[in-house]
Amino acid sequence: MLNALAERAHLAKAKGSKLRGDVSSLTRKISSLKLPHMEKLEDIPLRLDLGEIKKKLHLNRTGGWDLGEALLETARAAIRPRAVYKVCYVEERVEDSVIIDGICFRSRVLRKNLEEVGRVFAYVVTIGKELEERASSCEDLLEKYFFDSIGNVALVKARKYLEDQLRSRFALDGVSFMSPGSLGDWPIEEQRPLFSLFEGGEATIGVRLSESLLMIPIKSVSGIYFPTEITFYSCQLCPRERCEGRKASFDKKLVREYGIGVTEGLSMDVPYV
């Protein structure tokens, strides 16, 4: 029944604005069905390639190959990649906000990205606290840096695994994602409404929000995946220079299309995701 209603909603949307009322009604019906639509992924398989880690740590230029290999083996034993995602539905759109499963998210960029979208996927991904604890116990600053960089690589791979699972399970050709704090337009304060979608489900993978709205463990990411024909990167709206995690060039034309200012496009969060 859920799939049938979702299909009807998408067909109605395609017929134009005169059927918006039908779409909203169908969306509310879908959201009211209290069917299980949250799933946890445990023991996510990760392949941490030594060559990739060496490149990330610049070991090809600085040496330290033996040290890098030894630390990678230690890191592998400490990484516990897990994820939780929830299938959610867009219920309403206003000028600079969007309502998802009854929760209001304030972002002009997110609202524009979800203009023609009915179903989205809220997520939280973590590699656990063990690697973080191992790094904290190190007195050598270089080893701390190595562990931190390896953790970043592992976290990106864990999120990519979730993305691949979503593509496969829900027959998605293209997807993009946004994360609270990735842009000034969608600040870190939006973590609260995002986490409220999970109704405590994030705790099942050991993630919580601190008072400052940072995720604990630190090596965790959250956000919303949504289907797209053209891949969207928050980087395209961020003018920040010398960003190690940049995935796409800054696009002034796109900034104008989204109707945001320079400060609203600045990346406010960790850039590696």
Foldseek 3Di string as FASTA:
>chain_A
DLVVLVVVLLVLLVVDDVSVVVNLVSLVVSLPPPDDFKDKFWPDDDDDDLVVLCVLLVCVPVPPSVVLVVLLVVLVVQWTKMKMKGKWFWNDADQQWTAISNFIFGFLVVSVVCVSFTIKMWMKIARDCRLVVVLVPDPDPSSNVSSVSSLLVRLVRSVVSVVVVCCVVVVAPAKEKDFAQQFLRRHLVSLVSSVVVCVCVVVVVPWDADPVSQIPVNSMTITMMTGDPDYDDLQLLAPDPPQPQRDDHHHPVVNVVSPDDHRRSHRRDRRND
